[in-house]
Amino acid sequence: MNRLSGHTNLFASLTSYLQSLQESGLDGIPLEMMKPMQFETEAQPAIFMKTGVSDGMNENISLPGKSESLEHIRKDLGDCQRCKLGTTRKNLVFGVGNPKARLLFVGEGPGADEDAQGLPFVGDAGKMLNRIITAMNLERDEVYICNVVKCRPPQNRPPESDEVALCSPFLLRQISSVKPEVIVALGTSAAQALLQTKTPISKLRSKFHNFHGTPLMPTYHPSYLLRTGGNSDSFWSVWDDMTQVLQLLKLPVPVKTRKR
């Protein structure tokens, strides 16, 4: 879609909306609806991925300025059918943990166990994440855990760009509500969606990235560690990443010795 046709569609939508207001007896737009949208003024990474539907029309949208509770966001999400994942899921998986956590973990999407229980990271990958959190001398209920998409993609495939785009506003609102000091993106899909990049996780990890003013550390997904082994190079790479996270949070870094 080119820019002209995109503006034409927008104009048509606005015209239709104004007509519906007029038919309902309103002579104008209420003042509370005239507040300007908040857009980024700096070149910061956007959470939205281009879908091809509105190529060239995407803007970098900032985190919501208005604070709202996680309960309100979950209620607004409702029995979500905004994308095709809503038709195949068993349970919507919103998030879990401390609503004011200093550290927030973001995965790509629920798996089979998560879909069955309605909770994030409760399967084998969740046990590995628990191991990482415990190694950091933290408790699971001290952090906040959620995913880019809230419904399980069929056969655990990576979320598609349109699914990410439709679900991302709720993730943005979750992050804005929790206001973490540090975000950890678990795996390729989460890191690429949050940072709007196609750079592989192997090149993104080991350093902090700026996500709307919040330091974001990409690292390997726990499921990848399950495939490579608990004492593998990748596991120790994750520990190096978490060491940086602990240092940034000014928390003690436990001494860990690699088994030989």
Foldseek 3Di string as FASTA:
>chain_A
DDPVVVVVVVVVVVVVVVVVCVVVPDPDDDPVVPDDADADPDPAFALAEDDVPDPPPDGRHAQDPDADFLVVLVVVCPLPPPDPLSVVFQAFAFKAADLQAQEEEEEAEADDVCSVVSYHLPPPLSVLVQVLCVLQVHHRRRYMYYYLAGGADPPNDGDHNVRSNRSNNSVSNSCRNNVHQEYEYEAANRVCSQRVDNDHLVVQAPAWGQRNNHTYGYAYRSVVCVVQDCLDPRNVSVLSRVQVVCVVVVHDNDDDDRDD
